[in-house]
Amino acid sequence: MNAYLTGWANNWASNGQLLNAQVDLTALPNVAIPAGYSLQTSLANDNDGNVVGATYVVIDNLGNTQANVTQDLLAIAGVTSADLATITAFELNPVGPDNSESAVLSAGAGTITYEATSLLTILSQEPTCTETSAITAETANSFYGLLPAATSNRFTQSFTVSTAAPMIRKQGILAPV
């Protein structure tokens, strides 16, 4: 069974989802991301700081580029500059293909690096300036190391998997599909 790594851009406002676009990056021989793979996401911004695109790069465990795909948000049917926004918060989620999917990881450990040209701040809760409290309903058995409290341009976070620990789920209002 082949599986795909997918890049996904979405933007929410208080009245619902403004954009929701997926791009297939590369096929995998099964549903496991092989050890040693590197997944990179770089954002493109306009002069007002709005995110206008994303480039997804997948590098395999031998250093070979398996995907280098750029997603132009303004090229998505129906998306206008009014649908774009700056980033107030972001997170990385290894999840299934749509809302309510579960990512049950069988094994693994590694690091996640967050890097930006401007300073990043770690928050322990959703920022008050976000427009919606809607969330998705995915579950996962991945666990993440603590991030430092000080601001920085670069953070590295460890992660691991526990098949014995209970699945974690963010509680809140489910996002409409």
N, C-alpha and C. Protein backbone atom coordinates (compact mmCIF):
# COMPACT_ATOMS: atom_id res chain seq x y z
N MET A 1 0.84 -1.18 0.00
CA MET A 1 0.00 0.00 0.00
C MET A 1 0.89 1.24 0.00
N ASN A 2 0.69 2.13 -0.93
CA ASN A 2 1.42 3.39 -0.96
C ASN A 2 0.71 4.44 -0.12
N ALA A 3 1.48 5.27 0.51
CA ALA A 3 0.97 6.41 1.27
C ALA A 3 1.63 7.66 0.70
N TYR A 4 1.06 8.81 0.97
CA TYR A 4 1.62 10.06 0.47
C TYR A 4 1.91 11.00 1.61
N LEU A 5 3.02 11.71 1.49
CA LEU A 5 3.25 12.88 2.34
C LEU A 5 2.56 14.03 1.65
N THR A 6 1.81 14.80 2.40
CA THR A 6 0.99 15.87 1.84
C THR A 6 1.27 17.17 2.57
N GLY A 7 1.41 18.26 1.83
CA GLY A 7 1.46 19.60 2.41
C GLY A 7 0.05 20.16 2.44
N TRP A 8 -0.27 20.90 3.47
CA TRP A 8 -1.66 21.37 3.61
C TRP A 8 -1.67 22.80 4.14
N ALA A 9 -2.26 23.70 3.41
CA ALA A 9 -2.42 25.08 3.85
C ALA A 9 -3.90 25.33 4.11
N ASN A 10 -4.19 25.88 5.29
CA ASN A 10 -5.56 26.31 5.54
C ASN A 10 -5.54 27.57 6.38
N ASN A 11 -6.60 28.32 6.28
CA ASN A 11 -6.73 29.61 6.95
C ASN A 11 -8.16 29.72 7.44
N TRP A 12 -8.32 30.01 8.72
CA TRP A 12 -9.65 30.08 9.33
C TRP A 12 -9.97 31.51 9.76
N ALA A 13 -11.22 31.88 9.62
CA ALA A 13 -11.73 33.14 10.16
C ALA A 13 -12.94 32.80 11.02
N SER A 14 -13.45 33.78 11.74
CA SER A 14 -14.57 33.53 12.65
C SER A 14 -15.81 33.02 11.91
N ASN A 15 -15.93 33.33 10.63
CA ASN A 15 -17.10 32.87 9.88
C ASN A 15 -16.84 31.60 9.08
N GLY A 16 -15.71 30.95 9.32
CA GLY A 16 -15.45 29.69 8.64
C GLY A 16 -14.11 29.64 7.96
N GLN A 17 -13.90 28.58 7.21
CA GLN A 17 -12.62 28.34 6.55
C GLN A 17 -12.49 29.17 5.29
N LEU A 18 -11.38 29.90 5.17
CA LEU A 18 -11.13 30.73 4.00
C LEU A 18 -10.44 29.95 2.89
N LEU A 19 -9.47 29.13 3.25
CA LEU A 19 -8.83 28.30 2.24
C LEU A 19 -8.40 26.99 2.86
N ASN A 20 -8.38 25.98 2.01
CA ASN A 20 -8.05 24.63 2.45
C ASN A 20 -7.51 23.91 1.22
N ALA A 21 -6.20 23.82 1.12
CA ALA A 21 -5.61 23.24 -0.09
C ALA A 21 -4.49 22.29 0.26
N GLN A 22 -4.54 21.09 -0.31
CA GLN A 22 -3.52 20.08 -0.10
C GLN A 22 -2.73 19.87 -1.39
N VAL A 23 -1.45 19.55 -1.22
CA VAL A 23 -0.62 19.17 -2.37
C VAL A 23 0.12 17.90 -2.00
N ASP A 24 0.09 16.91 -2.91
CA ASP A 24 0.85 15.69 -2.70
C ASP A 24 2.32 16.00 -2.90
N LEU A 25 3.15 15.52 -1.98
CA LEU A 25 4.58 15.77 -2.05
C LEU A 25 5.33 14.59 -2.63
N THR A 26 5.16 13.42 -2.04
CA THR A 26 5.86 12.24 -2.53
C THR A 26 5.18 10.99 -1.99
N ALA A 27 5.29 9.93 -2.75
CA ALA A 27 4.76 8.64 -2.32
C ALA A 27 5.77 7.97 -1.39
N LEU A 28 5.25 7.22 -0.45
CA LEU A 28 6.07 6.41 0.45
C LEU A 28 5.71 4.95 0.21
N PRO A 29 6.63 4.03 0.45
CA PRO A 29 6.34 2.61 0.22
C PRO A 29 5.28 2.06 1.16
N ASN A 30 5.08 2.69 2.31
CA ASN A 30 4.02 2.29 3.24
C ASN A 30 3.67 3.51 4.07
N VAL A 31 2.90 3.35 5.11
CA VAL A 31 2.43 4.51 5.87
C VAL A 31 3.45 5.01 6.89
N ALA A 32 4.67 4.56 6.81
CA ALA A 32 5.72 5.00 7.73
C ALA A 32 6.66 5.98 7.04
N ILE A 33 7.00 7.06 7.73
CA ILE A 33 8.05 7.94 7.25
C ILE A 33 9.36 7.29 7.68
N PRO A 34 10.22 6.93 6.73
CA PRO A 34 11.46 6.24 7.09
C PRO A 34 12.36 7.07 8.01
N ALA A 35 13.08 6.40 8.88
CA ALA A 35 14.03 7.06 9.77
C ALA A 35 15.04 7.85 8.95
N GLY A 36 15.38 9.02 9.43
CA GLY A 36 16.38 9.85 8.77
C GLY A 36 15.83 10.82 7.75
N TYR A 37 14.53 10.78 7.46
CA TYR A 37 13.94 11.73 6.53
C TYR A 37 13.91 13.12 7.15
N SER A 38 14.00 14.15 6.32
CA SER A 38 13.88 15.53 6.75
C SER A 38 12.71 16.16 5.98
N LEU A 39 11.79 16.77 6.71
CA LEU A 39 10.64 17.46 6.13
C LEU A 39 10.79 18.94 6.44
N GLN A 40 10.78 19.79 5.39
CA GLN A 40 10.98 21.22 5.58
C GLN A 40 9.82 21.98 4.95
N THR A 41 9.36 23.02 5.65
CA THR A 41 8.33 23.91 5.13
C THR A 41 8.85 25.33 5.23
N SER A 42 8.85 26.06 4.12
CA SER A 42 9.27 27.47 4.09
C SER A 42 8.10 28.28 3.58
N LEU A 43 7.83 29.40 4.23
CA LEU A 43 6.71 30.25 3.84
C LEU A 43 7.19 31.44 3.03
N ALA A 44 6.36 31.87 2.08
CA ALA A 44 6.60 33.09 1.31
C ALA A 44 5.59 34.13 1.78
N ASN A 45 6.05 35.36 1.93
CA ASN A 45 5.20 36.44 2.42
C ASN A 45 5.17 37.60 1.43
N ASP A 46 4.05 38.34 1.43
CA ASP A 46 3.98 39.56 0.63
C ASP A 46 4.53 40.73 1.47
N ASN A 47 4.44 41.95 0.95
CA ASN A 47 5.00 43.12 1.63
C ASN A 47 4.28 43.45 2.94
N ASP A 48 3.07 42.94 3.13
CA ASP A 48 2.32 43.16 4.37
C ASP A 48 2.50 42.04 5.36
N GLY A 49 3.33 41.06 5.04
CA GLY A 49 3.58 39.94 5.94
C GLY A 49 2.59 38.79 5.80
N ASN A 50 1.64 38.92 4.86
CA ASN A 50 0.69 37.84 4.64
C ASN A 50 1.37 36.64 3.99
N VAL A 51 0.99 35.45 4.41
CA VAL A 51 1.53 34.24 3.80
C VAL A 51 0.88 34.06 2.43
N VAL A 52 1.68 34.01 1.37
CA VAL A 52 1.16 33.87 0.01
C VAL A 52 1.54 32.53 -0.62
N GLY A 53 2.36 31.75 0.09
CA GLY A 53 2.74 30.46 -0.46
C GLY A 53 3.58 29.68 0.52
N ALA A 54 3.79 28.43 0.18
CA ALA A 54 4.62 27.54 0.99
C ALA A 54 5.41 26.63 0.06
N THR A 55 6.65 26.37 0.43
CA THR A 55 7.47 25.40 -0.28
C THR A 55 7.76 24.25 0.67
N TYR A 56 7.45 23.04 0.20
CA TYR A 56 7.64 21.83 1.00
C TYR A 56 8.77 21.03 0.37
N VAL A 57 9.76 20.65 1.18
CA VAL A 57 10.89 19.87 0.71
C VAL A 57 10.96 18.59 1.55
N VAL A 58 11.11 17.46 0.87
CA VAL A 58 11.27 16.16 1.53
C VAL A 58 12.63 15.61 1.10
N ILE A 59 13.50 15.35 2.09
CA ILE A 59 14.83 14.81 1.83
C ILE A 59 14.89 13.43 2.49
N ASP A 60 15.29 12.43 1.72
CA ASP A 60 15.30 11.06 2.26
C ASP A 60 16.53 10.83 3.14
N ASN A 61 16.62 9.64 3.69
CA ASN A 61 17.69 9.31 4.63
C ASN A 61 19.07 9.18 3.96
N LEU A 62 19.13 9.29 2.64
CA LEU A 62 20.41 9.28 1.93
C LEU A 62 20.80 10.68 1.44
N GLY A 63 19.99 11.69 1.80
CA GLY A 63 20.27 13.06 1.39
C GLY A 63 19.70 13.45 0.04
N ASN A 64 18.89 12.57 -0.58
CA ASN A 64 18.29 12.85 -1.88
C ASN A 64 16.97 13.59 -1.72
N THR A 65 16.76 14.62 -2.53
CA THR A 65 15.50 15.35 -2.50
C THR A 65 14.42 14.54 -3.18
N GLN A 66 13.40 14.18 -2.43
CA GLN A 66 12.27 13.40 -2.95
C GLN A 66 11.12 14.29 -3.41
N ALA A 67 11.05 15.50 -2.87
CA ALA A 67 10.01 16.46 -3.28
C ALA A 67 10.50 17.86 -2.99
N ASN A 68 10.13 18.77 -3.88
CA ASN A 68 10.37 20.20 -3.70
C ASN A 68 9.21 20.89 -4.39
N VAL A 69 8.13 21.09 -3.64
CA VAL A 69 6.86 21.55 -4.21
C VAL A 69 6.49 22.91 -3.62
N THR A 70 6.20 23.87 -4.48
CA THR A 70 5.75 25.19 -4.03
C THR A 70 4.26 25.32 -4.26
N GLN A 71 3.57 25.76 -3.23
CA GLN A 71 2.12 25.98 -3.28
C GLN A 71 1.88 27.48 -3.27
N ASP A 72 1.33 28.02 -4.36
CA ASP A 72 0.99 29.44 -4.49
C ASP A 72 -0.46 29.59 -4.05
N LEU A 73 -0.68 30.21 -2.90
CA LEU A 73 -2.04 30.30 -2.36
C LEU A 73 -2.97 31.12 -3.25
N LEU A 74 -2.45 32.14 -3.92
CA LEU A 74 -3.30 32.96 -4.79
C LEU A 74 -3.65 32.25 -6.11
N ALA A 75 -3.03 31.11 -6.39
CA ALA A 75 -3.37 30.33 -7.58
C ALA A 75 -4.48 29.33 -7.30
N ILE A 76 -4.93 29.24 -6.05
CA ILE A 76 -6.01 28.32 -5.69
C ILE A 76 -7.33 28.96 -6.11
N ALA A 77 -8.16 28.21 -6.80
CA ALA A 77 -9.44 28.73 -7.30
C ALA A 77 -10.24 29.35 -6.17
N GLY A 78 -10.67 30.58 -6.37
CA GLY A 78 -11.52 31.28 -5.41
C GLY A 78 -10.78 32.05 -4.33
N VAL A 79 -9.46 31.86 -4.21
CA VAL A 79 -8.70 32.55 -3.17
C VAL A 79 -8.26 33.91 -3.68
N THR A 80 -8.52 34.94 -2.88
CA THR A 80 -8.09 36.30 -3.20
C THR A 80 -7.17 36.80 -2.10
N SER A 81 -6.57 37.95 -2.29
CA SER A 81 -5.67 38.50 -1.27
C SER A 81 -6.41 38.77 0.03
N ALA A 82 -7.74 38.96 -0.02
CA ALA A 82 -8.52 39.15 1.20
C ALA A 82 -8.55 37.89 2.07
N ASP A 83 -8.25 36.74 1.49
CA ASP A 83 -8.25 35.48 2.23
C ASP A 83 -6.92 35.18 2.90
N LEU A 84 -5.91 35.99 2.64
CA LEU A 84 -4.58 35.74 3.19
C LEU A 84 -4.42 36.41 4.54
N ALA A 85 -3.47 35.94 5.31
CA ALA A 85 -3.24 36.50 6.64
C ALA A 85 -1.79 36.27 7.04
N THR A 86 -1.38 37.03 8.04
CA THR A 86 -0.09 36.77 8.66
C THR A 86 -0.28 35.59 9.60
N ILE A 87 0.79 35.08 10.11
CA ILE A 87 0.69 33.96 11.05
C ILE A 87 0.67 34.53 12.46
N THR A 88 -0.37 34.16 13.21
CA THR A 88 -0.40 34.51 14.63
C THR A 88 0.07 33.34 15.48
N ALA A 89 -0.08 32.13 14.94
CA ALA A 89 0.36 30.94 15.66
C ALA A 89 0.46 29.80 14.67
N PHE A 90 1.35 28.84 14.95
CA PHE A 90 1.44 27.66 14.11
C PHE A 90 1.87 26.49 14.95
N GLU A 91 1.59 25.31 14.42
CA GLU A 91 2.01 24.08 15.07
C GLU A 91 2.20 23.01 14.01
N LEU A 92 2.94 22.00 14.34
CA LEU A 92 3.18 20.88 13.44
C LEU A 92 2.38 19.69 13.95
N ASN A 93 1.64 19.05 13.06
CA ASN A 93 0.80 17.93 13.46
C ASN A 93 0.97 16.76 12.50
N PRO A 94 1.54 15.65 12.94
CA PRO A 94 1.52 14.46 12.09
C PRO A 94 0.17 13.77 12.26
N VAL A 95 -0.72 14.00 11.31
CA VAL A 95 -2.10 13.50 11.44
C VAL A 95 -2.54 12.81 10.17
N GLY A 96 -3.74 12.27 10.21
CA GLY A 96 -4.34 11.63 9.05
C GLY A 96 -4.77 12.65 8.02
N PRO A 97 -5.43 12.19 6.96
CA PRO A 97 -5.71 13.06 5.82
C PRO A 97 -6.81 14.08 6.04
N ASP A 98 -7.72 13.91 6.96
CA ASP A 98 -8.82 14.86 7.14
C ASP A 98 -9.20 14.94 8.61
N ASN A 99 -10.15 15.80 8.91
CA ASN A 99 -10.61 15.97 10.29
C ASN A 99 -11.01 14.64 10.91
N SER A 100 -10.72 14.49 12.16
CA SER A 100 -11.04 13.35 13.01
C SER A 100 -10.20 12.11 12.73
N GLU A 101 -9.20 12.20 11.89
CA GLU A 101 -8.30 11.07 11.67
C GLU A 101 -7.35 10.95 12.85
N SER A 102 -6.86 9.78 13.09
CA SER A 102 -5.89 9.56 14.15
C SER A 102 -4.56 9.16 13.56
N ALA A 103 -3.49 9.71 14.09
CA ALA A 103 -2.14 9.30 13.71
C ALA A 103 -1.64 8.38 14.80
N VAL A 104 -1.69 7.10 14.55
CA VAL A 104 -1.19 6.13 15.52
C VAL A 104 0.18 5.70 15.03
N LEU A 105 1.20 6.23 15.66
CA LEU A 105 2.56 5.99 15.24
C LEU A 105 3.08 4.74 15.94
N SER A 106 3.72 3.85 15.21
CA SER A 106 4.18 2.59 15.79
C SER A 106 5.53 2.73 16.47
N ALA A 107 6.35 3.66 16.04
CA ALA A 107 7.67 3.87 16.62
C ALA A 107 8.21 5.19 16.11
N GLY A 108 9.26 5.65 16.72
CA GLY A 108 9.91 6.84 16.20
C GLY A 108 10.32 7.82 17.27
N ALA A 109 11.28 8.62 16.92
CA ALA A 109 11.76 9.70 17.76
C ALA A 109 12.58 10.61 16.87
N GLY A 110 12.71 11.84 17.27
CA GLY A 110 13.49 12.77 16.47
C GLY A 110 13.37 14.17 17.02
N THR A 111 13.59 15.13 16.14
CA THR A 111 13.48 16.53 16.54
C THR A 111 12.68 17.30 15.49
N ILE A 112 12.08 18.39 15.96
CA ILE A 112 11.39 19.34 15.10
C ILE A 112 12.10 20.67 15.31
N THR A 113 12.48 21.32 14.23
CA THR A 113 13.13 22.62 14.34
C THR A 113 12.21 23.68 13.75
N TYR A 114 11.94 24.70 14.54
CA TYR A 114 11.15 25.86 14.10
C TYR A 114 12.14 27.00 13.91
N GLU A 115 12.11 27.63 12.73
CA GLU A 115 13.08 28.68 12.46
C GLU A 115 12.41 29.80 11.67
N ALA A 116 12.73 31.05 11.99
CA ALA A 116 12.16 32.20 11.30
C ALA A 116 13.18 33.34 11.29
N THR A 117 12.97 34.29 10.37
CA THR A 117 13.86 35.45 10.33
C THR A 117 13.50 36.44 11.43
N SER A 118 12.25 36.41 11.91
CA SER A 118 11.85 37.25 13.05
C SER A 118 11.84 36.38 14.31
N LEU A 119 11.78 37.02 15.46
CA LEU A 119 11.79 36.28 16.71
C LEU A 119 10.50 35.49 16.90
N LEU A 120 10.65 34.27 17.40
CA LEU A 120 9.52 33.41 17.72
C LEU A 120 9.32 33.41 19.23
N THR A 121 8.07 33.29 19.66
CA THR A 121 7.73 33.22 21.07
C THR A 121 6.91 31.97 21.30
N ILE A 122 7.23 31.23 22.31
CA ILE A 122 6.48 30.02 22.66
C ILE A 122 5.31 30.42 23.55
N LEU A 123 4.12 29.96 23.19
CA LEU A 123 2.92 30.23 23.98
C LEU A 123 2.39 28.93 24.56
N SER A 124 1.77 29.01 25.70
CA SER A 124 1.19 27.81 26.31
C SER A 124 -0.30 27.69 26.02
N GLN A 125 -0.87 28.68 25.33
CA GLN A 125 -2.28 28.62 24.95
C GLN A 125 -2.47 29.43 23.68
N GLU A 126 -3.61 29.24 23.04
CA GLU A 126 -3.92 29.95 21.80
C GLU A 126 -3.89 31.46 22.03
N PRO A 127 -3.28 32.23 21.12
CA PRO A 127 -3.23 33.68 21.31
C PRO A 127 -4.62 34.30 21.25
N THR A 128 -4.83 35.37 22.01
CA THR A 128 -6.14 36.03 22.06
C THR A 128 -6.50 36.70 20.74
N CYS A 129 -5.51 36.97 19.89
CA CYS A 129 -5.79 37.66 18.62
C CYS A 129 -6.29 36.72 17.53
N THR A 130 -6.31 35.42 17.77
CA THR A 130 -6.80 34.51 16.74
C THR A 130 -8.30 34.68 16.58
N GLU A 131 -8.79 34.42 15.38
CA GLU A 131 -10.18 34.71 15.05
C GLU A 131 -11.15 33.62 15.42
N THR A 132 -10.68 32.43 15.71
CA THR A 132 -11.60 31.34 15.96
C THR A 132 -11.02 30.36 16.97
N SER A 133 -11.90 29.75 17.72
CA SER A 133 -11.45 28.72 18.65
C SER A 133 -11.69 27.33 18.09
N ALA A 134 -12.08 27.25 16.81
CA ALA A 134 -12.32 25.95 16.19
C ALA A 134 -11.03 25.16 16.10
N ILE A 135 -11.12 23.87 16.33
CA ILE A 135 -9.97 22.99 16.22
C ILE A 135 -10.34 21.79 15.39
N THR A 136 -9.38 21.00 15.05
CA THR A 136 -9.67 19.72 14.42
C THR A 136 -9.72 18.65 15.50
N ALA A 137 -10.12 17.47 15.14
CA ALA A 137 -10.37 16.43 16.14
C ALA A 137 -9.41 15.25 16.02
N GLU A 138 -8.21 15.47 15.49
CA GLU A 138 -7.26 14.38 15.36
C GLU A 138 -6.74 13.96 16.73
N THR A 139 -6.30 12.73 16.81
CA THR A 139 -5.63 12.24 18.01
C THR A 139 -4.25 11.75 17.60
N ALA A 140 -3.36 11.63 18.57
CA ALA A 140 -2.02 11.14 18.28
C ALA A 140 -1.42 10.52 19.53
N ASN A 141 -0.44 9.66 19.33
CA ASN A 141 0.28 9.08 20.45
C ASN A 141 1.73 9.57 20.46
N SER A 142 1.94 10.75 19.92
CA SER A 142 3.27 11.36 19.93
C SER A 142 3.36 12.32 21.12
N PHE A 143 4.57 12.42 21.68
CA PHE A 143 4.80 13.26 22.84
C PHE A 143 5.98 14.17 22.55
N TYR A 144 5.92 15.41 23.03
CA TYR A 144 6.87 16.44 22.65
C TYR A 144 7.61 16.99 23.85
N GLY A 145 8.90 17.26 23.66
CA GLY A 145 9.72 17.86 24.71
C GLY A 145 9.37 19.32 24.91
N LEU A 146 9.80 19.84 26.04
CA LEU A 146 9.54 21.24 26.37
C LEU A 146 10.35 22.17 25.48
N LEU A 147 9.79 23.34 25.21
CA LEU A 147 10.49 24.39 24.48
C LEU A 147 10.92 25.47 25.47
N PRO A 148 12.00 26.20 25.16
CA PRO A 148 12.45 27.23 26.09
C PRO A 148 11.49 28.41 26.14
N ALA A 149 11.51 29.12 27.26
CA ALA A 149 10.62 30.27 27.44
C ALA A 149 11.12 31.52 26.73
N ALA A 150 12.42 31.64 26.51
CA ALA A 150 13.00 32.84 25.90
C ALA A 150 12.69 32.89 24.41
N THR A 151 12.55 34.10 23.85
CA THR A 151 12.34 34.25 22.42
C THR A 151 13.63 33.90 21.67
N SER A 152 13.46 33.46 20.42
CA SER A 152 14.61 33.08 19.61
C SER A 152 14.17 33.00 18.15
N ASN A 153 15.12 32.97 17.25
CA ASN A 153 14.83 32.75 15.84
C ASN A 153 14.75 31.26 15.52
N ARG A 154 15.19 30.42 16.46
CA ARG A 154 15.26 28.99 16.20
C ARG A 154 14.99 28.21 17.49
N PHE A 155 14.09 27.26 17.39
CA PHE A 155 13.80 26.34 18.49
C PHE A 155 13.90 24.92 17.98
N THR A 156 14.42 24.03 18.78
CA THR A 156 14.44 22.61 18.46
C THR A 156 13.70 21.88 19.57
N GLN A 157 12.79 21.02 19.16
CA GLN A 157 11.95 20.28 20.10
C GLN A 157 12.08 18.79 19.82
N SER A 158 12.24 18.00 20.86
CA SER A 158 12.30 16.56 20.69
C SER A 158 10.89 15.98 20.62
N PHE A 159 10.76 14.82 20.00
CA PHE A 159 9.49 14.10 20.03
C PHE A 159 9.76 12.61 20.09
N THR A 160 8.80 11.90 20.62
CA THR A 160 8.88 10.45 20.70
C THR A 160 7.46 9.89 20.61
N VAL A 161 7.37 8.59 20.54
CA VAL A 161 6.09 7.91 20.40
C VAL A 161 5.94 6.91 21.53
N SER A 162 4.72 6.78 22.02
CA SER A 162 4.44 5.76 23.01
C SER A 162 3.18 5.02 22.59
N THR A 163 3.32 3.74 22.29
CA THR A 163 2.14 2.95 21.94
C THR A 163 1.40 2.51 23.19
N ALA A 164 2.04 2.62 24.36
CA ALA A 164 1.40 2.21 25.61
C ALA A 164 0.61 3.34 26.26
N ALA A 165 1.00 4.59 26.01
CA ALA A 165 0.35 5.74 26.64
C ALA A 165 -0.98 6.02 25.96
N PRO A 166 -1.90 6.64 26.68
CA PRO A 166 -3.20 6.96 26.07
C PRO A 166 -3.06 8.00 24.96
N MET A 167 -3.95 7.93 23.98
CA MET A 167 -3.96 8.90 22.90
C MET A 167 -4.28 10.28 23.47
N ILE A 168 -3.65 11.32 22.93
CA ILE A 168 -3.93 12.67 23.38
C ILE A 168 -4.86 13.34 22.37
N ARG A 169 -5.69 14.21 22.84
CA ARG A 169 -6.64 14.92 21.99
C ARG A 169 -6.79 16.33 22.53
N LYS A 170 -6.72 17.32 21.64
CA LYS A 170 -6.98 18.69 22.05
C LYS A 170 -8.49 18.85 22.20
N GLN A 171 -8.90 19.39 23.30
CA GLN A 171 -10.33 19.59 23.56
C GLN A 171 -10.75 20.96 23.06
N GLY A 172 -11.95 21.09 22.57
CA GLY A 172 -12.46 22.38 22.12
C GLY A 172 -13.60 22.19 21.16
N ILE A 173 -13.87 23.22 20.40
CA ILE A 173 -14.94 23.20 19.41
C ILE A 173 -14.39 22.57 18.14
N LEU A 174 -15.07 21.59 17.61
CA LEU A 174 -14.60 20.94 16.39
C LEU A 174 -14.74 21.88 15.20
N ALA A 175 -13.76 21.86 14.34
CA ALA A 175 -13.79 22.68 13.13
C ALA A 175 -14.73 22.06 12.12
N PRO A 176 -15.50 22.88 11.39
CA PRO A 176 -16.38 22.31 10.36
C PRO A 176 -15.57 21.69 9.24
N VAL A 177 -16.08 20.62 8.67
CA VAL A 177 -15.37 19.93 7.59
C VAL A 177 -15.76 20.53 6.26
